[in-house]
């Protein structure tokens, strides 16, 4: 039997809750299993930026909306190392940290696995699996930039949450989706939420 398509996703406390929820809504259509970690700060940012509220145990309906109640998402405790993504023997199709705080990026760059998110990222690097860090901060200091170089040299992709405007987005969600589309493309997903630049799509 073919192996199910699996994705590991982590959400940190950086600003940009919509990047996470919009990405997960799309990813849930392409993956059989999604292992999701939300930091305590991520839950607080979600409440601040969206007006919603999260309470444990988290559910896909609570986080993404009732229409995603059956999304193939398994919420993991960010302090629980006895979960599949913490081990290199668990085979998956990549990990996305969206948004990725500079603190999280710095710990990954330094090899500090102090929670399930950073441990899972470390596993991706050592196993040579795809790791995408959707960095969300500005301006960047020299430490941030050097950490980005370090993780890139180690095999990660730094994909800053920098929206594009050449398709003339009309809503905040349209703007967010320009970043979400690039993340999906970097995972090798044939996305349809944003057209390719200067390409006729019938």
C-alpha atoms as a PDB file:
ATOM      1  CA  UNK A   1       0.000   0.000   0.000  1.00  0.00           C
ATOM      2  CA  UNK A   2       1.255   3.527  -0.746  1.00  0.00           C
ATOM      3  CA  UNK A   3       2.371   5.551   2.256  1.00  0.00           C
ATOM      4  CA  UNK A   4      -0.097   8.290   3.236  1.00  0.00           C
ATOM      5  CA  UNK A   5       0.952  11.863   2.555  1.00  0.00           C
ATOM      6  CA  UNK A   6       2.015  13.339   5.878  1.00  0.00           C
ATOM      7  CA  UNK A   7       2.866  16.914   6.811  1.00  0.00           C
ATOM      8  CA  UNK A   8       4.215  18.352  10.054  1.00  0.00           C
ATOM      9  CA  UNK A   9       3.168  21.934  10.864  1.00  0.00           C
ATOM     10  CA  UNK A  10       4.100  24.199  13.755  1.00  0.00           C
ATOM     11  CA  UNK A  11       2.662  27.597  14.631  1.00  0.00           C
ATOM     12  CA  UNK A  12       4.719  29.920  16.831  1.00  0.00           C
ATOM     13  CA  UNK A  13       3.808  33.129  18.618  1.00  0.00           C
ATOM     14  CA  UNK A  14       4.913  35.448  15.818  1.00  0.00           C
ATOM     15  CA  UNK A  15       2.278  37.755  14.352  1.00  0.00           C
ATOM     16  CA  UNK A  16       0.447  36.217  11.413  1.00  0.00           C
ATOM     17  CA  UNK A  17      -2.220  33.819  12.675  1.00  0.00           C
ATOM     18  CA  UNK A  18      -4.005  34.067   9.333  1.00  0.00           C
ATOM     19  CA  UNK A  19      -0.970  32.669   7.535  1.00  0.00           C
ATOM     20  CA  UNK A  20      -1.271  29.518   9.646  1.00  0.00           C
ATOM     21  CA  UNK A  21      -5.029  29.036   9.354  1.00  0.00           C
ATOM     22  CA  UNK A  22      -5.213  29.809   5.624  1.00  0.00           C
ATOM     23  CA  UNK A  23      -2.292  27.461   4.967  1.00  0.00           C
ATOM     24  CA  UNK A  24      -3.823  24.633   6.991  1.00  0.00           C
ATOM     25  CA  UNK A  25      -7.162  25.032   5.233  1.00  0.00           C
ATOM     26  CA  UNK A  26      -5.393  24.490   1.917  1.00  0.00           C
ATOM     27  CA  UNK A  27      -2.990  21.804   3.126  1.00  0.00           C
ATOM     28  CA  UNK A  28      -5.851  19.724   4.551  1.00  0.00           C
ATOM     29  CA  UNK A  29      -6.997  19.180   0.958  1.00  0.00           C
ATOM     30  CA  UNK A  30      -3.669  17.717  -0.120  1.00  0.00           C
ATOM     31  CA  UNK A  31      -2.443  15.617   2.803  1.00  0.00           C
ATOM     32  CA  UNK A  32      -3.800  12.485   4.442  1.00  0.00           C
ATOM     33  CA  UNK A  33      -2.341  13.343   7.850  1.00  0.00           C
ATOM     34  CA  UNK A  34      -1.250  16.676   9.320  1.00  0.00           C
ATOM     35  CA  UNK A  35       0.555  16.763  12.663  1.00  0.00           C
ATOM     36  CA  UNK A  36       0.078  20.210  14.177  1.00  0.00           C
ATOM     37  CA  UNK A  37       1.805  21.957  17.080  1.00  0.00           C
ATOM     38  CA  UNK A  38       0.554  25.268  18.472  1.00  0.00           C
ATOM     39  CA  UNK A  39       2.634  27.071  21.051  1.00  0.00           C
ATOM     40  CA  UNK A  40       0.876  28.760  23.957  1.00  0.00           C
ATOM     41  CA  UNK A  41       1.810  32.107  22.416  1.00  0.00           C
ATOM     42  CA  UNK A  42       0.342  31.021  19.064  1.00  0.00           C
ATOM     43  CA  UNK A  43      -3.030  30.471  20.718  1.00  0.00           C
ATOM     44  CA  UNK A  44      -2.839  33.927  22.294  1.00  0.00           C
ATOM     45  CA  UNK A  45      -1.889  35.559  18.977  1.00  0.00           C
ATOM     46  CA  UNK A  46      -4.782  33.746  17.276  1.00  0.00           C
ATOM     47  CA  UNK A  47      -7.193  35.277  19.770  1.00  0.00           C
ATOM     48  CA  UNK A  48      -5.659  38.753  19.473  1.00  0.00           C
ATOM     49  CA  UNK A  49      -5.526  38.839  15.673  1.00  0.00           C
ATOM     50  CA  UNK A  50      -8.725  37.007  14.720  1.00  0.00           C
ATOM     51  CA  UNK A  51     -11.037  37.625  17.678  1.00  0.00           C
ATOM     52  CA  UNK A  52     -11.521  33.878  18.034  1.00  0.00           C
ATOM     53  CA  UNK A  53     -10.697  31.819  21.076  1.00  0.00           C
ATOM     54  CA  UNK A  54      -9.006  28.477  21.534  1.00  0.00           C
ATOM     55  CA  UNK A  55      -9.328  26.102  24.453  1.00  0.00           C
ATOM     56  CA  UNK A  56      -7.706  22.721  24.976  1.00  0.00           C
ATOM     57  CA  UNK A  57      -8.155  20.181  23.623  1.00  0.00           C
ATOM     58  CA  UNK A  58      -7.832  22.028  20.326  1.00  0.00           C
ATOM     59  CA  UNK A  59      -9.911  20.864  17.364  1.00  0.00           C
ATOM     60  CA  UNK A  60      -9.795  21.610  13.649  1.00  0.00           C
ATOM     61  CA  UNK A  61     -13.328  23.029  13.796  1.00  0.00           C
ATOM     62  CA  UNK A  62     -12.363  25.403  16.580  1.00  0.00           C
ATOM     63  CA  UNK A  63      -9.174  26.538  14.857  1.00  0.00           C
ATOM     64  CA  UNK A  64     -10.137  26.543  11.163  1.00  0.00           C
ATOM     65  CA  UNK A  65     -13.934  26.723  11.167  1.00  0.00           C
ATOM     66  CA  UNK A  66     -16.766  24.199  11.259  1.00  0.00           C
ATOM     67  CA  UNK A  67     -16.361  23.324   7.574  1.00  0.00           C
ATOM     68  CA  UNK A  68     -12.951  21.861   8.467  1.00  0.00           C
ATOM     69  CA  UNK A  69     -14.219  19.697  11.328  1.00  0.00           C
ATOM     70  CA  UNK A  70     -13.185  16.558   9.441  1.00  0.00           C
ATOM     71  CA  UNK A  71      -9.783  17.872   8.346  1.00  0.00           C
ATOM     72  CA  UNK A  72      -7.058  15.233   8.866  1.00  0.00           C
ATOM     73  CA  UNK A  73      -5.306  17.246  11.585  1.00  0.00           C
ATOM     74  CA  UNK A  74      -3.875  15.810  14.779  1.00  0.00           C
ATOM     75  CA  UNK A  75      -2.958  18.378  17.422  1.00  0.00           C
ATOM     76  CA  UNK A  76       0.207  17.577  19.360  1.00  0.00           C
ATOM     77  CA  UNK A  77       1.397  18.856  22.724  1.00  0.00           C
ATOM     78  CA  UNK A  78       4.418  21.079  22.089  1.00  0.00           C
ATOM     79  CA  UNK A  79       6.145  19.549  25.125  1.00  0.00           C
ATOM     80  CA  UNK A  80       5.438  15.904  24.289  1.00  0.00           C
ATOM     81  CA  UNK A  81       8.441  14.217  22.683  1.00  0.00           C
ATOM     82  CA  UNK A  82       6.644  10.857  22.547  1.00  0.00           C
ATOM     83  CA  UNK A  83       5.007  11.732  19.231  1.00  0.00           C
ATOM     84  CA  UNK A  84       5.935  10.684  15.671  1.00  0.00           C
ATOM     85  CA  UNK A  85       7.609  13.929  14.444  1.00  0.00           C
ATOM     86  CA  UNK A  86      10.183  13.761  17.260  1.00  0.00           C
ATOM     87  CA  UNK A  87      11.823  10.701  15.693  1.00  0.00           C
ATOM     88  CA  UNK A  88      13.769  10.313  12.473  1.00  0.00           C
ATOM     89  CA  UNK A  89      12.182   6.889  11.991  1.00  0.00           C
ATOM     90  CA  UNK A  90       8.858   8.616  11.282  1.00  0.00           C
ATOM     91  CA  UNK A  91       8.705   9.286   7.548  1.00  0.00           C
ATOM     92  CA  UNK A  92       6.814  12.342   6.343  1.00  0.00           C
ATOM     93  CA  UNK A  93       6.731  14.738   3.398  1.00  0.00           C
ATOM     94  CA  UNK A  94       8.038  17.871   5.085  1.00  0.00           C
ATOM     95  CA  UNK A  95       7.572  20.383   7.861  1.00  0.00           C
ATOM     96  CA  UNK A  96       6.335  23.969   7.759  1.00  0.00           C
ATOM     97  CA  UNK A  97       6.676  26.459  10.623  1.00  0.00           C
ATOM     98  CA  UNK A  98       4.166  29.199   9.870  1.00  0.00           C
ATOM     99  CA  UNK A  99       4.645  31.831  11.072  1.00  0.00           C
ATOM    100  CA  UNK A 100       8.154  31.257  12.385  1.00  0.00           C
ATOM    101  CA  UNK A 101       9.336  33.584  15.134  1.00  0.00           C
ATOM    102  CA  UNK A 102      12.931  34.760  15.227  1.00  0.00           C
ATOM    103  CA  UNK A 103      13.356  32.994  18.570  1.00  0.00           C
ATOM    104  CA  UNK A 104      12.295  29.666  17.057  1.00  0.00           C
ATOM    105  CA  UNK A 105      14.504  30.219  14.010  1.00  0.00           C
ATOM    106  CA  UNK A 106      17.435  31.057  16.283  1.00  0.00           C
ATOM    107  CA  UNK A 107      17.002  27.903  18.358  1.00  0.00           C
ATOM    108  CA  UNK A 108      16.819  25.765  15.215  1.00  0.00           C
ATOM    109  CA  UNK A 109      19.965  27.452  13.871  1.00  0.00           C
ATOM    110  CA  UNK A 110      21.739  26.689  17.156  1.00  0.00           C
ATOM    111  CA  UNK A 111      20.546  23.077  17.361  1.00  0.00           C
ATOM    112  CA  UNK A 112      18.579  23.746  20.553  1.00  0.00           C
ATOM    113  CA  UNK A 113      15.648  21.327  20.762  1.00  0.00           C
ATOM    114  CA  UNK A 114      13.739  22.701  23.713  1.00  0.00           C
ATOM    115  CA  UNK A 115      10.244  21.721  22.548  1.00  0.00           C
ATOM    116  CA  UNK A 116       8.547  19.485  19.992  1.00  0.00           C
ATOM    117  CA  UNK A 117       8.676  22.176  17.298  1.00  0.00           C
ATOM    118  CA  UNK A 118      12.433  22.670  17.446  1.00  0.00           C
ATOM    119  CA  UNK A 119      13.045  18.934  17.909  1.00  0.00           C
ATOM    120  CA  UNK A 120      10.918  18.140  14.833  1.00  0.00           C
ATOM    121  CA  UNK A 121      12.782  20.782  12.822  1.00  0.00           C
ATOM    122  CA  UNK A 122      16.114  19.328  13.957  1.00  0.00           C
ATOM    123  CA  UNK A 123      14.927  15.890  12.809  1.00  0.00           C
ATOM    124  CA  UNK A 124      14.051  17.312   9.379  1.00  0.00           C
ATOM    125  CA  UNK A 125      17.547  18.745   9.000  1.00  0.00           C
ATOM    126  CA  UNK A 126      19.364  15.611  10.127  1.00  0.00           C
ATOM    127  CA  UNK A 127      17.179  13.363   7.946  1.00  0.00           C
ATOM    128  CA  UNK A 128      17.480  15.759   4.961  1.00  0.00           C
ATOM    129  CA  UNK A 129      13.734  16.336   4.772  1.00  0.00           C
ATOM    130  CA  UNK A 130      12.060  19.503   3.579  1.00  0.00           C
ATOM    131  CA  UNK A 131      11.807  22.217   6.222  1.00  0.00           C
ATOM    132  CA  UNK A 132      10.146  25.540   5.401  1.00  0.00           C
ATOM    133  CA  UNK A 133      10.398  28.438   7.848  1.00  0.00           C
ATOM    134  CA  UNK A 134       7.892  31.206   7.138  1.00  0.00           C
ATOM    135  CA  UNK A 135       9.825  33.924   8.923  1.00  0.00           C
ATOM    136  CA  UNK A 136       7.718  36.811  10.211  1.00  0.00           C
ATOM    137  CA  UNK A 137       9.509  39.837  11.635  1.00  0.00           C
ATOM    138  CA  UNK A 138      10.805  43.230  10.555  1.00  0.00           C
ATOM    139  CA  UNK A 139      13.257  44.851  10.598  1.00  0.00           C
ATOM    140  CA  UNK A 140      15.860  42.103  10.819  1.00  0.00           C
ATOM    141  CA  UNK A 141      18.978  42.448  12.903  1.00  0.00           C
ATOM    142  CA  UNK A 142      22.321  40.873  12.090  1.00  0.00           C
ATOM    143  CA  UNK A 143      21.674  37.906  14.384  1.00  0.00           C
ATOM    144  CA  UNK A 144      18.430  37.143  12.531  1.00  0.00           C
ATOM    145  CA  UNK A 145      20.184  37.319   9.180  1.00  0.00           C
ATOM    146  CA  UNK A 146      23.052  35.094  10.287  1.00  0.00           C
ATOM    147  CA  UNK A 147      20.591  32.558  11.689  1.00  0.00           C
ATOM    148  CA  UNK A 148      18.782  32.526   8.345  1.00  0.00           C
ATOM    149  CA  UNK A 149      22.059  31.810   6.568  1.00  0.00           C
ATOM    150  CA  UNK A 150      22.832  29.018   9.047  1.00  0.00           C
ATOM    151  CA  UNK A 151      19.504  27.205   8.617  1.00  0.00           C
ATOM    152  CA  UNK A 152      19.680  27.643   4.835  1.00  0.00           C
ATOM    153  CA  UNK A 153      23.152  26.120   4.751  1.00  0.00           C
ATOM    154  CA  UNK A 154      21.795  23.261   6.884  1.00  0.00           C
ATOM    155  CA  UNK A 155      19.099  22.531   4.294  1.00  0.00           C
ATOM    156  CA  UNK A 156      16.041  24.556   5.339  1.00  0.00           C
ATOM    157  CA  UNK A 157      14.109  26.996   3.156  1.00  0.00           C
ATOM    158  CA  UNK A 158      13.552  30.438   4.637  1.00  0.00           C
ATOM    159  CA  UNK A 159      10.343  31.746   3.075  1.00  0.00           C
ATOM    160  CA  UNK A 160       9.579  35.164   4.594  1.00  0.00           C
ATOM    161  CA  UNK A 161       5.919  36.126   4.909  1.00  0.00           C
ATOM    162  CA  UNK A 162       6.235  38.776   2.199  1.00  0.00           C
ATOM    163  CA  UNK A 163       2.966  39.156   0.250  1.00  0.00           C
ATOM    164  CA  UNK A 164       2.820  39.944  -3.457  1.00  0.00           C
ATOM    165  CA  UNK A 165       0.477  42.505  -4.985  1.00  0.00           C
ATOM    166  CA  UNK A 166       0.785  42.088  -8.753  1.00  0.00           C
ATOM    167  CA  UNK A 167      -2.472  40.090  -8.865  1.00  0.00           C
ATOM    168  CA  UNK A 168      -4.272  43.025  -7.213  1.00  0.00           C
ATOM    169  CA  UNK A 169      -5.582  41.301  -4.070  1.00  0.00           C
ATOM    170  CA  UNK A 170      -8.908  42.658  -2.834  1.00  0.00           C
ATOM    171  CA  UNK A 171      -9.044  41.323   0.728  1.00  0.00           C
ATOM    172  CA  UNK A 172      -6.683  40.559   3.592  1.00  0.00           C
ATOM    173  CA  UNK A 173      -7.217  36.872   2.831  1.00  0.00           C
ATOM    174  CA  UNK A 174      -6.156  37.456  -0.792  1.00  0.00           C
ATOM    175  CA  UNK A 175      -2.947  39.067   0.452  1.00  0.00           C
ATOM    176  CA  UNK A 176      -2.250  36.222   2.881  1.00  0.00           C
ATOM    177  CA  UNK A 177      -2.899  33.655   0.154  1.00  0.00           C
ATOM    178  CA  UNK A 178      -0.033  35.018  -1.955  1.00  0.00           C
ATOM    179  CA  UNK A 179       2.304  33.691   0.740  1.00  0.00           C
ATOM    180  CA  UNK A 180       0.316  30.494   1.300  1.00  0.00           C
ATOM    181  CA  UNK A 181       0.553  29.724  -2.427  1.00  0.00           C
ATOM    182  CA  UNK A 182       4.348  29.989  -2.343  1.00  0.00           C
ATOM    183  CA  UNK A 183       4.548  27.645   0.638  1.00  0.00           C
ATOM    184  CA  UNK A 184       2.414  25.064  -1.177  1.00  0.00           C
ATOM    185  CA  UNK A 185       4.558  25.392  -4.294  1.00  0.00           C
ATOM    186  CA  UNK A 186       7.710  24.855  -2.252  1.00  0.00           C
ATOM    187  CA  UNK A 187       6.164  21.669  -0.881  1.00  0.00           C
ATOM    188  CA  UNK A 188       5.634  20.481  -4.439  1.00  0.00           C
ATOM    189  CA  UNK A 189       1.856  20.970  -4.280  1.00  0.00           C
ATOM    190  CA  UNK A 190       0.086  22.044  -7.447  1.00  0.00           C
ATOM    191  CA  UNK A 191      -1.857  24.917  -5.900  1.00  0.00           C
ATOM    192  CA  UNK A 192      -4.686  26.821  -7.588  1.00  0.00           C
ATOM    193  CA  UNK A 193      -5.274  29.732  -5.206  1.00  0.00           C
ATOM    194  CA  UNK A 194      -2.813  32.024  -7.013  1.00  0.00           C
ATOM    195  CA  UNK A 195      -2.075  31.971 -10.747  1.00  0.00           C
ATOM    196  CA  UNK A 196       1.509  31.655 -11.910  1.00  0.00           C
ATOM    197  CA  UNK A 197       3.001  34.906 -13.140  1.00  0.00           C
ATOM    198  CA  UNK A 198       2.510  35.468 -16.877  1.00  0.00           C
ATOM    199  CA  UNK A 199       1.242  31.922 -17.453  1.00  0.00           C
ATOM    200  CA  UNK A 200      -2.027  31.175 -19.250  1.00  0.00           C
ATOM    201  CA  UNK A 201      -3.991  28.693 -17.144  1.00  0.00           C
ATOM    202  CA  UNK A 202      -6.944  27.193 -18.966  1.00  0.00           C
END
